[in-house]
Amino acid sequence: MPPVRCQISTLAHARAEFVRHPGPRLLAAELAVLLAARLVWGSWSVSVAVVVAVLLAVNPFTEWLIHVFLLHCPADGGRRDRIVGYSHRRHHEDPRDLRFQFIRPSVIYGGMVVNAAIVLAFRTDAALTGVLAAVVITLFYEWVHFLIHTDHAPRNAIYRRLHRAHRLHHFRNEKYWLGVTTRTADRVLRTNPRKEDVEISPTAKSALVAR
């Protein structure tokens, strides 16, 4: 199949294109169900705040680990490669191809099953809120990642830095700048060097080097 690309320069156009794709729609639908369940549940406890705080604290490192060990897994035809590795390599080959821009629906369906199992197993407000927060974080990741690969010019200072770092990951060296929604893990784990200190990788546009 030929690449699927779209010229997107405004936020309005970006939002319209974003919701056209099944991955974001599935995440939004799951989010709506979880929000409704959270409102019906009603009760709140201190553990809710603790769970949300922990998720927000570990998210930069979770994002980093997923990017390194799953998305940039070896191209060996193994399970990780089939589920996410191949698609992510195609994304590196052509970052503007919308076919490989988003989390695959099959992965999201799997996440839905896991999330439902967590809620049913624990049956607490903390478990439900934690799953809800995880879906919000995932949908936010999808939006930021998608927006970075459009023609929309970054204006906000924080987003501008994220935009630059992710473009460097794609076009400078895929072993660095592994955060998408945050640069915290890159700073802590020393994968946020100055552009001038890193050589251009010959595999940046194929991501054949796992890590």
N, C-alpha and C. Protein backbone atom coordinates (compact mmCIF):
# COMPACT_ATOMS: atom_id res chain seq x y z
N MET A 1 0.83 -1.20 0.00
CA MET A 1 0.00 0.00 0.00
C MET A 1 0.87 1.25 0.00
N PRO A 2 0.45 2.29 -0.72
CA PRO A 2 1.21 3.54 -0.74
C PRO A 2 1.11 4.26 0.60
N PRO A 3 2.08 5.12 0.91
CA PRO A 3 2.03 5.87 2.17
C PRO A 3 0.77 6.72 2.25
N VAL A 4 0.29 6.94 3.47
CA VAL A 4 -0.86 7.80 3.71
C VAL A 4 -0.35 9.04 4.43
N ARG A 5 -0.39 10.18 3.75
CA ARG A 5 0.11 11.41 4.34
C ARG A 5 -0.96 12.49 4.25
N CYS A 6 -0.83 13.49 5.10
CA CYS A 6 -1.80 14.57 5.10
C CYS A 6 -1.10 15.86 5.50
N GLN A 7 -1.30 16.92 4.75
CA GLN A 7 -0.71 18.22 5.07
C GLN A 7 -1.51 18.86 6.21
N ILE A 8 -0.91 18.97 7.38
CA ILE A 8 -1.59 19.49 8.56
C ILE A 8 -0.78 20.64 9.13
N SER A 9 -1.34 21.83 9.12
CA SER A 9 -0.60 22.99 9.60
C SER A 9 -1.31 23.73 10.73
N THR A 10 -2.57 23.41 10.99
CA THR A 10 -3.31 24.10 12.05
C THR A 10 -3.76 23.08 13.10
N LEU A 11 -3.99 23.58 14.31
CA LEU A 11 -4.47 22.71 15.38
C LEU A 11 -5.85 22.13 15.06
N ALA A 12 -6.70 22.94 14.45
CA ALA A 12 -8.05 22.47 14.10
C ALA A 12 -7.97 21.29 13.13
N HIS A 13 -7.12 21.42 12.13
CA HIS A 13 -6.95 20.34 11.16
C HIS A 13 -6.33 19.13 11.83
N ALA A 14 -5.38 19.36 12.73
CA ALA A 14 -4.74 18.25 13.45
C ALA A 14 -5.75 17.49 14.29
N ARG A 15 -6.61 18.19 15.00
CA ARG A 15 -7.64 17.52 15.81
C ARG A 15 -8.58 16.71 14.94
N ALA A 16 -8.98 17.28 13.80
CA ALA A 16 -9.90 16.58 12.91
C ALA A 16 -9.26 15.30 12.37
N GLU A 17 -7.98 15.38 12.00
CA GLU A 17 -7.29 14.20 11.48
C GLU A 17 -7.05 13.18 12.58
N PHE A 18 -6.71 13.64 13.76
CA PHE A 18 -6.42 12.75 14.89
C PHE A 18 -7.60 11.83 15.19
N VAL A 19 -8.80 12.38 15.24
CA VAL A 19 -9.97 11.57 15.61
C VAL A 19 -10.46 10.69 14.47
N ARG A 20 -9.89 10.83 13.30
CA ARG A 20 -10.26 9.96 12.19
C ARG A 20 -9.67 8.56 12.34
N HIS A 21 -8.66 8.40 13.15
CA HIS A 21 -7.91 7.15 13.22
C HIS A 21 -8.43 6.26 14.35
N PRO A 22 -8.43 4.95 14.12
CA PRO A 22 -9.06 4.03 15.08
C PRO A 22 -8.41 4.00 16.45
N GLY A 23 -7.08 4.13 16.53
CA GLY A 23 -6.41 4.09 17.82
C GLY A 23 -6.89 5.17 18.78
N PRO A 24 -6.81 6.44 18.39
CA PRO A 24 -7.32 7.51 19.25
C PRO A 24 -8.80 7.36 19.57
N ARG A 25 -9.60 6.91 18.61
CA ARG A 25 -11.03 6.74 18.87
C ARG A 25 -11.27 5.65 19.92
N LEU A 26 -10.53 4.55 19.83
CA LEU A 26 -10.67 3.48 20.81
C LEU A 26 -10.28 3.96 22.21
N LEU A 27 -9.18 4.69 22.28
CA LEU A 27 -8.74 5.20 23.58
C LEU A 27 -9.76 6.19 24.14
N ALA A 28 -10.32 7.03 23.29
CA ALA A 28 -11.32 8.00 23.73
C ALA A 28 -12.57 7.28 24.22
N ALA A 29 -12.98 6.21 23.53
CA ALA A 29 -14.15 5.45 23.95
C ALA A 29 -13.90 4.78 25.30
N GLU A 30 -12.72 4.20 25.46
CA GLU A 30 -12.39 3.58 26.74
C GLU A 30 -12.36 4.63 27.85
N LEU A 31 -11.82 5.79 27.55
CA LEU A 31 -11.77 6.86 28.52
C LEU A 31 -13.18 7.28 28.95
N ALA A 32 -14.10 7.37 27.99
CA ALA A 32 -15.47 7.77 28.30
C ALA A 32 -16.14 6.75 29.24
N VAL A 33 -15.92 5.47 28.97
CA VAL A 33 -16.50 4.42 29.81
C VAL A 33 -15.92 4.49 31.23
N LEU A 34 -14.61 4.67 31.32
CA LEU A 34 -13.96 4.74 32.62
C LEU A 34 -14.38 5.98 33.40
N LEU A 35 -14.55 7.09 32.70
CA LEU A 35 -15.02 8.31 33.37
C LEU A 35 -16.42 8.11 33.93
N ALA A 36 -17.28 7.49 33.14
CA ALA A 36 -18.65 7.22 33.61
C ALA A 36 -18.63 6.31 34.83
N ALA A 37 -17.79 5.27 34.77
CA ALA A 37 -17.68 4.35 35.91
C ALA A 37 -17.15 5.06 37.15
N ARG A 38 -16.19 5.97 36.95
CA ARG A 38 -15.62 6.70 38.08
C ARG A 38 -16.65 7.61 38.72
N LEU A 39 -17.50 8.24 37.90
CA LEU A 39 -18.55 9.11 38.42
C LEU A 39 -19.60 8.31 39.17
N VAL A 40 -19.93 7.13 38.65
CA VAL A 40 -20.92 6.27 39.32
C VAL A 40 -20.37 5.75 40.64
N TRP A 41 -19.06 5.40 40.65
CA TRP A 41 -18.44 4.87 41.86
C TRP A 41 -18.55 5.90 42.99
N GLY A 42 -18.17 7.13 42.66
CA GLY A 42 -18.40 8.23 43.60
C GLY A 42 -17.41 8.38 44.73
N SER A 43 -17.09 7.34 45.44
CA SER A 43 -16.25 7.47 46.63
C SER A 43 -14.79 7.74 46.26
N TRP A 44 -14.10 8.43 47.19
CA TRP A 44 -12.69 8.77 46.99
C TRP A 44 -11.92 8.42 48.26
N SER A 45 -10.67 8.07 48.09
CA SER A 45 -9.82 7.77 49.24
C SER A 45 -8.43 8.34 49.02
N VAL A 46 -7.64 8.36 50.07
CA VAL A 46 -6.27 8.86 49.96
C VAL A 46 -5.47 8.05 48.96
N SER A 47 -5.77 6.75 48.87
CA SER A 47 -5.03 5.88 47.95
C SER A 47 -5.19 6.31 46.50
N VAL A 48 -6.29 6.97 46.18
CA VAL A 48 -6.50 7.46 44.81
C VAL A 48 -5.42 8.47 44.45
N ALA A 49 -5.21 9.43 45.33
CA ALA A 49 -4.18 10.45 45.08
C ALA A 49 -2.79 9.83 45.00
N VAL A 50 -2.55 8.82 45.84
CA VAL A 50 -1.25 8.16 45.84
C VAL A 50 -1.01 7.45 44.51
N VAL A 51 -2.01 6.71 44.04
CA VAL A 51 -1.89 5.97 42.78
C VAL A 51 -1.64 6.92 41.61
N VAL A 52 -2.40 8.01 41.53
CA VAL A 52 -2.24 8.97 40.43
C VAL A 52 -0.85 9.61 40.51
N ALA A 53 -0.41 9.97 41.71
CA ALA A 53 0.91 10.59 41.87
C ALA A 53 2.02 9.64 41.44
N VAL A 54 1.89 8.36 41.80
CA VAL A 54 2.90 7.38 41.41
C VAL A 54 2.93 7.20 39.90
N LEU A 55 1.75 7.12 39.28
CA LEU A 55 1.69 6.95 37.83
C LEU A 55 2.34 8.13 37.11
N LEU A 56 2.07 9.33 37.58
CA LEU A 56 2.66 10.51 36.95
C LEU A 56 4.17 10.54 37.15
N ALA A 57 4.62 10.07 38.31
CA ALA A 57 6.05 10.08 38.60
C ALA A 57 6.82 9.07 37.76
N VAL A 58 6.23 7.90 37.55
CA VAL A 58 6.95 6.84 36.82
C VAL A 58 6.72 6.92 35.32
N ASN A 59 5.73 7.72 34.88
CA ASN A 59 5.41 7.75 33.46
C ASN A 59 6.59 8.11 32.56
N PRO A 60 7.43 9.11 32.89
CA PRO A 60 8.57 9.40 32.02
C PRO A 60 9.48 8.20 31.81
N PHE A 61 9.66 7.40 32.86
CA PHE A 61 10.55 6.25 32.78
C PHE A 61 9.87 5.06 32.09
N THR A 62 8.56 4.93 32.30
CA THR A 62 7.80 3.90 31.58
C THR A 62 7.84 4.17 30.08
N GLU A 63 7.64 5.43 29.72
CA GLU A 63 7.68 5.82 28.31
C GLU A 63 9.05 5.52 27.71
N TRP A 64 10.10 5.84 28.45
CA TRP A 64 11.48 5.60 28.01
C TRP A 64 11.74 4.11 27.82
N LEU A 65 11.35 3.30 28.79
CA LEU A 65 11.59 1.85 28.74
C LEU A 65 10.82 1.21 27.59
N ILE A 66 9.58 1.61 27.39
CA ILE A 66 8.78 1.08 26.28
C ILE A 66 9.45 1.42 24.95
N HIS A 67 9.91 2.66 24.84
CA HIS A 67 10.53 3.09 23.59
C HIS A 67 11.80 2.29 23.30
N VAL A 68 12.61 2.06 24.33
CA VAL A 68 13.89 1.37 24.14
C VAL A 68 13.71 -0.13 23.93
N PHE A 69 12.95 -0.78 24.81
CA PHE A 69 12.93 -2.24 24.83
C PHE A 69 11.79 -2.87 24.03
N LEU A 70 10.75 -2.09 23.71
CA LEU A 70 9.67 -2.64 22.89
C LEU A 70 9.69 -2.06 21.48
N LEU A 71 9.60 -0.73 21.38
CA LEU A 71 9.52 -0.13 20.06
C LEU A 71 10.80 -0.30 19.26
N HIS A 72 11.95 -0.26 19.96
CA HIS A 72 13.23 -0.45 19.29
C HIS A 72 13.81 -1.83 19.57
N CYS A 73 12.94 -2.80 19.62
CA CYS A 73 13.39 -4.17 19.86
C CYS A 73 14.11 -4.71 18.62
N PRO A 74 14.90 -5.75 18.76
CA PRO A 74 15.63 -6.31 17.61
C PRO A 74 14.68 -6.77 16.50
N ALA A 75 15.10 -6.56 15.27
CA ALA A 75 14.30 -6.98 14.12
C ALA A 75 14.53 -8.46 13.86
N ASP A 76 14.02 -9.31 14.77
CA ASP A 76 14.30 -10.75 14.69
C ASP A 76 13.07 -11.58 14.39
N GLY A 77 11.94 -10.92 14.12
CA GLY A 77 10.72 -11.66 13.83
C GLY A 77 10.06 -12.27 15.05
N GLY A 78 10.57 -11.94 16.25
CA GLY A 78 9.99 -12.45 17.49
C GLY A 78 8.68 -11.77 17.83
N ARG A 79 8.14 -12.12 19.00
CA ARG A 79 6.84 -11.60 19.39
C ARG A 79 6.83 -10.08 19.50
N ARG A 80 7.84 -9.51 20.18
CA ARG A 80 7.90 -8.06 20.31
C ARG A 80 7.99 -7.39 18.95
N ASP A 81 8.80 -7.99 18.08
CA ASP A 81 9.00 -7.43 16.74
C ASP A 81 7.69 -7.43 15.96
N ARG A 82 6.94 -8.53 16.04
CA ARG A 82 5.68 -8.63 15.29
C ARG A 82 4.62 -7.67 15.82
N ILE A 83 4.58 -7.51 17.14
CA ILE A 83 3.51 -6.70 17.73
C ILE A 83 3.78 -5.21 17.57
N VAL A 84 5.01 -4.76 17.88
CA VAL A 84 5.29 -3.32 17.84
C VAL A 84 6.56 -2.94 17.09
N GLY A 85 7.55 -3.82 17.06
CA GLY A 85 8.84 -3.45 16.47
C GLY A 85 8.76 -3.13 15.00
N TYR A 86 8.12 -3.99 14.21
CA TYR A 86 8.04 -3.78 12.77
C TYR A 86 7.33 -2.46 12.45
N SER A 87 6.21 -2.22 13.12
CA SER A 87 5.44 -1.00 12.87
C SER A 87 6.25 0.24 13.22
N HIS A 88 7.02 0.15 14.30
CA HIS A 88 7.80 1.33 14.70
C HIS A 88 8.97 1.57 13.74
N ARG A 89 9.54 0.51 13.21
CA ARG A 89 10.59 0.70 12.20
C ARG A 89 10.02 1.37 10.97
N ARG A 90 8.83 0.97 10.58
CA ARG A 90 8.19 1.62 9.44
C ARG A 90 7.93 3.09 9.73
N HIS A 91 7.59 3.39 10.97
CA HIS A 91 7.39 4.78 11.38
C HIS A 91 8.69 5.57 11.24
N HIS A 92 9.82 4.95 11.59
CA HIS A 92 11.10 5.63 11.44
C HIS A 92 11.47 5.81 9.97
N GLU A 93 11.15 4.84 9.15
CA GLU A 93 11.45 4.94 7.72
C GLU A 93 10.73 6.11 7.08
N ASP A 94 9.49 6.36 7.53
CA ASP A 94 8.70 7.45 6.97
C ASP A 94 7.82 8.03 8.09
N PRO A 95 8.35 8.95 8.88
CA PRO A 95 7.62 9.48 10.03
C PRO A 95 6.30 10.16 9.70
N ARG A 96 6.10 10.51 8.45
CA ARG A 96 4.86 11.20 8.07
C ARG A 96 3.78 10.24 7.56
N ASP A 97 4.10 8.97 7.47
CA ASP A 97 3.13 7.98 7.01
C ASP A 97 2.16 7.68 8.15
N LEU A 98 0.90 8.09 7.99
CA LEU A 98 -0.08 7.96 9.06
C LEU A 98 -0.45 6.51 9.36
N ARG A 99 -0.11 5.59 8.49
CA ARG A 99 -0.42 4.18 8.76
C ARG A 99 0.35 3.66 9.95
N PHE A 100 1.49 4.25 10.26
CA PHE A 100 2.34 3.76 11.34
C PHE A 100 2.54 4.81 12.43
N GLN A 101 1.64 5.77 12.48
CA GLN A 101 1.75 6.87 13.42
C GLN A 101 1.22 6.53 14.81
N PHE A 102 0.23 5.65 14.87
CA PHE A 102 -0.51 5.44 16.11
C PHE A 102 -0.31 4.02 16.67
N ILE A 103 -0.65 3.87 17.95
CA ILE A 103 -0.65 2.54 18.56
C ILE A 103 -1.65 1.67 17.81
N ARG A 104 -1.26 0.44 17.52
CA ARG A 104 -2.14 -0.44 16.76
C ARG A 104 -3.39 -0.78 17.55
N PRO A 105 -4.55 -0.86 16.90
CA PRO A 105 -5.80 -1.21 17.59
C PRO A 105 -5.71 -2.52 18.37
N SER A 106 -5.01 -3.52 17.81
CA SER A 106 -4.89 -4.80 18.52
C SER A 106 -4.19 -4.62 19.87
N VAL A 107 -3.21 -3.73 19.93
CA VAL A 107 -2.52 -3.46 21.19
C VAL A 107 -3.46 -2.75 22.16
N ILE A 108 -4.27 -1.84 21.65
CA ILE A 108 -5.22 -1.12 22.52
C ILE A 108 -6.27 -2.08 23.06
N TYR A 109 -6.76 -2.99 22.21
CA TYR A 109 -7.74 -3.98 22.68
C TYR A 109 -7.13 -4.83 23.80
N GLY A 110 -5.87 -5.21 23.62
CA GLY A 110 -5.19 -5.96 24.67
C GLY A 110 -5.10 -5.17 25.95
N GLY A 111 -4.81 -3.88 25.83
CA GLY A 111 -4.76 -3.01 27.00
C GLY A 111 -6.11 -2.90 27.69
N MET A 112 -7.17 -2.86 26.90
CA MET A 112 -8.51 -2.81 27.48
C MET A 112 -8.80 -4.04 28.33
N VAL A 113 -8.39 -5.20 27.84
CA VAL A 113 -8.60 -6.44 28.59
C VAL A 113 -7.83 -6.40 29.91
N VAL A 114 -6.58 -5.96 29.85
CA VAL A 114 -5.76 -5.86 31.06
C VAL A 114 -6.37 -4.86 32.04
N ASN A 115 -6.80 -3.71 31.53
CA ASN A 115 -7.40 -2.70 32.40
C ASN A 115 -8.66 -3.20 33.07
N ALA A 116 -9.51 -3.88 32.30
CA ALA A 116 -10.74 -4.44 32.87
C ALA A 116 -10.41 -5.48 33.95
N ALA A 117 -9.40 -6.29 33.70
CA ALA A 117 -9.00 -7.31 34.67
C ALA A 117 -8.52 -6.67 35.96
N ILE A 118 -7.78 -5.56 35.86
CA ILE A 118 -7.29 -4.86 37.05
C ILE A 118 -8.45 -4.32 37.88
N VAL A 119 -9.40 -3.68 37.19
CA VAL A 119 -10.55 -3.10 37.91
C VAL A 119 -11.37 -4.19 38.57
N LEU A 120 -11.64 -5.29 37.87
CA LEU A 120 -12.45 -6.37 38.42
C LEU A 120 -11.75 -7.13 39.53
N ALA A 121 -10.43 -7.22 39.42
CA ALA A 121 -9.67 -7.96 40.43
C ALA A 121 -9.60 -7.19 41.75
N PHE A 122 -9.39 -5.87 41.68
CA PHE A 122 -9.20 -5.09 42.91
C PHE A 122 -10.49 -4.45 43.41
N ARG A 123 -11.36 -4.03 42.50
CA ARG A 123 -12.66 -3.45 42.85
C ARG A 123 -12.52 -2.32 43.87
N THR A 124 -11.58 -1.42 43.62
CA THR A 124 -11.38 -0.27 44.50
C THR A 124 -11.39 1.01 43.69
N ASP A 125 -11.63 2.12 44.38
CA ASP A 125 -11.59 3.41 43.68
C ASP A 125 -10.20 3.73 43.17
N ALA A 126 -9.18 3.25 43.89
CA ALA A 126 -7.80 3.50 43.46
C ALA A 126 -7.48 2.76 42.17
N ALA A 127 -7.93 1.51 42.07
CA ALA A 127 -7.68 0.72 40.85
C ALA A 127 -8.38 1.35 39.65
N LEU A 128 -9.63 1.73 39.83
CA LEU A 128 -10.38 2.34 38.73
C LEU A 128 -9.75 3.66 38.30
N THR A 129 -9.37 4.48 39.28
CA THR A 129 -8.76 5.77 38.96
C THR A 129 -7.39 5.59 38.33
N GLY A 130 -6.65 4.59 38.79
CA GLY A 130 -5.33 4.33 38.21
C GLY A 130 -5.43 3.94 36.75
N VAL A 131 -6.37 3.07 36.43
CA VAL A 131 -6.58 2.68 35.04
C VAL A 131 -7.02 3.87 34.21
N LEU A 132 -7.91 4.67 34.76
CA LEU A 132 -8.37 5.88 34.09
C LEU A 132 -7.20 6.82 33.79
N ALA A 133 -6.33 7.02 34.78
CA ALA A 133 -5.17 7.89 34.59
C ALA A 133 -4.23 7.33 33.52
N ALA A 134 -4.07 6.01 33.50
CA ALA A 134 -3.18 5.39 32.51
C ALA A 134 -3.71 5.62 31.09
N VAL A 135 -5.02 5.56 30.92
CA VAL A 135 -5.61 5.79 29.59
C VAL A 135 -5.45 7.26 29.19
N VAL A 136 -5.63 8.17 30.13
CA VAL A 136 -5.43 9.59 29.85
C VAL A 136 -3.99 9.85 29.41
N ILE A 137 -3.04 9.25 30.12
CA ILE A 137 -1.62 9.40 29.78
C ILE A 137 -1.34 8.86 28.39
N THR A 138 -1.93 7.72 28.06
CA THR A 138 -1.71 7.11 26.74
C THR A 138 -2.30 7.97 25.63
N LEU A 139 -3.50 8.47 25.84
CA LEU A 139 -4.13 9.32 24.82
C LEU A 139 -3.35 10.62 24.64
N PHE A 140 -2.84 11.16 25.74
CA PHE A 140 -2.02 12.36 25.66
C PHE A 140 -0.74 12.09 24.88
N TYR A 141 -0.13 10.95 25.13
CA TYR A 141 1.07 10.54 24.37
C TYR A 141 0.76 10.48 22.88
N GLU A 142 -0.35 9.84 22.51
CA GLU A 142 -0.71 9.72 21.10
C GLU A 142 -0.89 11.09 20.45
N TRP A 143 -1.53 12.01 21.18
CA TRP A 143 -1.77 13.33 20.63
C TRP A 143 -0.47 14.10 20.43
N VAL A 144 0.39 14.12 21.44
CA VAL A 144 1.64 14.85 21.33
C VAL A 144 2.52 14.27 20.23
N HIS A 145 2.62 12.94 20.18
CA HIS A 145 3.44 12.29 19.16
C HIS A 145 2.92 12.60 17.76
N PHE A 146 1.61 12.52 17.61
CA PHE A 146 1.01 12.83 16.31
C PHE A 146 1.29 14.28 15.92
N LEU A 147 1.08 15.21 16.86
CA LEU A 147 1.23 16.63 16.57
C LEU A 147 2.67 16.97 16.17
N ILE A 148 3.63 16.33 16.82
CA ILE A 148 5.04 16.58 16.49
C ILE A 148 5.33 16.26 15.03
N HIS A 149 4.64 15.26 14.48
CA HIS A 149 4.91 14.84 13.11
C HIS A 149 4.03 15.55 12.07
N THR A 150 3.31 16.57 12.51
CA THR A 150 2.56 17.38 11.56
C THR A 150 3.39 18.62 11.20
N ASP A 151 2.82 19.48 10.37
CA ASP A 151 3.49 20.73 10.00
C ASP A 151 3.13 21.87 10.95
N HIS A 152 2.40 21.57 12.00
CA HIS A 152 2.02 22.61 12.95
C HIS A 152 3.26 23.13 13.67
N ALA A 153 3.51 24.42 13.56
CA ALA A 153 4.71 25.02 14.15
C ALA A 153 4.55 25.13 15.67
N PRO A 154 5.53 24.63 16.42
CA PRO A 154 5.44 24.72 17.88
C PRO A 154 5.59 26.16 18.37
N ARG A 155 4.69 26.58 19.24
CA ARG A 155 4.74 27.94 19.78
C ARG A 155 5.00 27.93 21.29
N ASN A 156 4.34 27.01 21.97
CA ASN A 156 4.57 26.88 23.41
C ASN A 156 6.00 26.42 23.66
N ALA A 157 6.67 27.02 24.64
CA ALA A 157 8.09 26.74 24.88
C ALA A 157 8.34 25.28 25.25
N ILE A 158 7.47 24.72 26.10
CA ILE A 158 7.64 23.33 26.51
C ILE A 158 7.46 22.40 25.32
N TYR A 159 6.39 22.63 24.56
CA TYR A 159 6.15 21.79 23.39
C TYR A 159 7.25 21.96 22.35
N ARG A 160 7.80 23.16 22.23
CA ARG A 160 8.86 23.41 21.27
C ARG A 160 10.08 22.54 21.59
N ARG A 161 10.39 22.40 22.88
CA ARG A 161 11.53 21.56 23.27
C ARG A 161 11.26 20.09 23.01
N LEU A 162 10.02 19.65 23.28
CA LEU A 162 9.66 18.26 22.99
C LEU A 162 9.72 17.99 21.49
N HIS A 163 9.22 18.93 20.71
CA HIS A 163 9.22 18.84 19.26
C HIS A 163 10.65 18.68 18.73
N ARG A 164 11.54 19.52 19.19
CA ARG A 164 12.93 19.47 18.73
C ARG A 164 13.59 18.15 19.12
N ALA A 165 13.39 17.71 20.36
CA ALA A 165 14.03 16.48 20.84
C ALA A 165 13.55 15.27 20.04
N HIS A 166 12.26 15.19 19.77
CA HIS A 166 11.77 14.02 19.04
C HIS A 166 12.21 14.05 17.59
N ARG A 167 12.30 15.21 17.00
CA ARG A 167 12.83 15.30 15.64
C ARG A 167 14.29 14.86 15.61
N LEU A 168 15.04 15.21 16.64
CA LEU A 168 16.43 14.75 16.71
C LEU A 168 16.50 13.23 16.83
N HIS A 169 15.57 12.65 17.57
CA HIS A 169 15.52 11.18 17.70
C HIS A 169 15.33 10.54 16.34
N HIS A 170 14.50 11.15 15.51
CA HIS A 170 14.22 10.59 14.19
C HIS A 170 15.33 10.87 13.18
N PHE A 171 15.87 12.06 13.20
CA PHE A 171 16.74 12.47 12.11
C PHE A 171 18.21 12.67 12.50
N ARG A 172 18.50 12.50 13.79
CA ARG A 172 19.90 12.61 14.23
C ARG A 172 20.43 11.25 14.70
N ASN A 173 19.79 10.70 15.73
CA ASN A 173 20.25 9.42 16.27
C ASN A 173 19.15 8.80 17.11
N GLU A 174 18.70 7.61 16.73
CA GLU A 174 17.57 6.96 17.38
C GLU A 174 17.87 6.41 18.77
N LYS A 175 19.14 6.47 19.18
CA LYS A 175 19.51 5.98 20.51
C LYS A 175 19.31 7.04 21.59
N TYR A 176 18.99 8.25 21.18
CA TYR A 176 18.86 9.35 22.13
C TYR A 176 17.51 10.04 21.98
N TRP A 177 17.20 10.91 22.94
CA TRP A 177 15.95 11.68 22.92
C TRP A 177 14.74 10.75 22.81
N LEU A 178 14.62 9.84 23.77
CA LEU A 178 13.62 8.78 23.71
C LEU A 178 12.28 9.15 24.34
N GLY A 179 12.25 10.25 25.09
CA GLY A 179 10.98 10.71 25.63
C GLY A 179 10.18 11.42 24.57
N VAL A 180 8.87 11.36 24.69
CA VAL A 180 7.99 12.05 23.73
C VAL A 180 7.19 13.14 24.44
N THR A 181 6.53 12.81 25.53
CA THR A 181 5.72 13.79 26.25
C THR A 181 6.50 14.48 27.37
N THR A 182 7.69 13.98 27.66
CA THR A 182 8.52 14.56 28.70
C THR A 182 9.98 14.22 28.44
N ARG A 183 10.88 15.07 28.90
CA ARG A 183 12.31 14.81 28.72
C ARG A 183 12.97 14.40 30.03
N THR A 184 12.16 14.18 31.07
CA THR A 184 12.70 13.87 32.39
C THR A 184 13.58 12.63 32.39
N ALA A 185 13.08 11.54 31.83
CA ALA A 185 13.86 10.29 31.82
C ALA A 185 15.13 10.44 30.99
N ASP A 186 15.05 11.17 29.90
CA ASP A 186 16.25 11.40 29.09
C ASP A 186 17.32 12.13 29.90
N ARG A 187 16.90 13.10 30.69
CA ARG A 187 17.86 13.83 31.51
C ARG A 187 18.48 12.92 32.57
N VAL A 188 17.62 12.16 33.26
CA VAL A 188 18.09 11.30 34.34
C VAL A 188 18.97 10.17 33.81
N LEU A 189 18.58 9.59 32.69
CA LEU A 189 19.28 8.43 32.13
C LEU A 189 20.33 8.81 31.09
N ARG A 190 20.56 10.10 30.94
CA ARG A 190 21.64 10.62 30.10
C ARG A 190 21.48 10.26 28.61
N THR A 191 20.26 10.39 28.15
CA THR A 191 20.02 10.22 26.72
C THR A 191 19.49 11.52 26.12
N ASN A 192 19.90 12.63 26.71
CA ASN A 192 19.47 13.95 26.25
C ASN A 192 20.69 14.83 26.00
N PRO A 193 21.60 14.38 25.11
CA PRO A 193 22.83 15.14 24.88
C PRO A 193 22.58 16.38 24.02
N ARG A 194 23.59 17.19 23.90
CA ARG A 194 23.53 18.28 22.93
C ARG A 194 23.60 17.68 21.53
N LYS A 195 22.91 18.30 20.62
CA LYS A 195 22.90 17.82 19.24
C LYS A 195 24.32 17.68 18.70
N GLU A 196 25.16 18.63 19.01
CA GLU A 196 26.52 18.66 18.47
C GLU A 196 27.39 17.51 18.99
N ASP A 197 26.99 16.93 20.11
CA ASP A 197 27.80 15.87 20.71
C ASP A 197 27.45 14.48 20.19
N VAL A 198 26.49 14.39 19.29
CA VAL A 198 26.02 13.09 18.80
C VAL A 198 26.18 13.01 17.29
N GLU A 199 26.78 11.96 16.82
CA GLU A 199 26.93 11.76 15.38
C GLU A 199 25.60 11.37 14.74
N ILE A 200 25.46 11.71 13.48
CA ILE A 200 24.26 11.30 12.75
C ILE A 200 24.29 9.79 12.57
N SER A 201 23.21 9.12 12.98
CA SER A 201 23.15 7.68 12.89
C SER A 201 22.77 7.24 11.48
N PRO A 202 23.45 6.25 10.92
CA PRO A 202 23.08 5.76 9.58
C PRO A 202 21.78 4.97 9.58
N THR A 203 21.28 4.64 10.79
CA THR A 203 20.06 3.83 10.87
C THR A 203 18.88 4.60 11.46
N ALA A 204 19.01 5.90 11.60
CA ALA A 204 17.94 6.68 12.23
C ALA A 204 16.62 6.54 11.48
N LYS A 205 16.70 6.38 10.16
CA LYS A 205 15.46 6.29 9.39
C LYS A 205 14.99 4.86 9.17
N SER A 206 15.60 3.92 9.88
CA SER A 206 15.11 2.54 9.82
C SER A 206 15.03 1.92 11.21
N ALA A 207 15.74 2.51 12.19
CA ALA A 207 15.77 2.03 13.58
C ALA A 207 16.16 0.56 13.66
N LEU A 208 17.03 0.12 12.77
CA LEU A 208 17.47 -1.27 12.80
C LEU A 208 18.37 -1.55 14.01
N VAL A 209 19.01 -0.52 14.53
CA VAL A 209 19.78 -0.69 15.75
C VAL A 209 18.81 -0.63 16.92
N ALA A 210 18.79 -1.71 17.70
CA ALA A 210 17.78 -1.81 18.76
C ALA A 210 18.00 -0.78 19.84
N ARG A 211 19.25 -0.63 20.33
CA ARG A 211 19.52 0.31 21.40
C ARG A 211 21.02 0.60 21.46
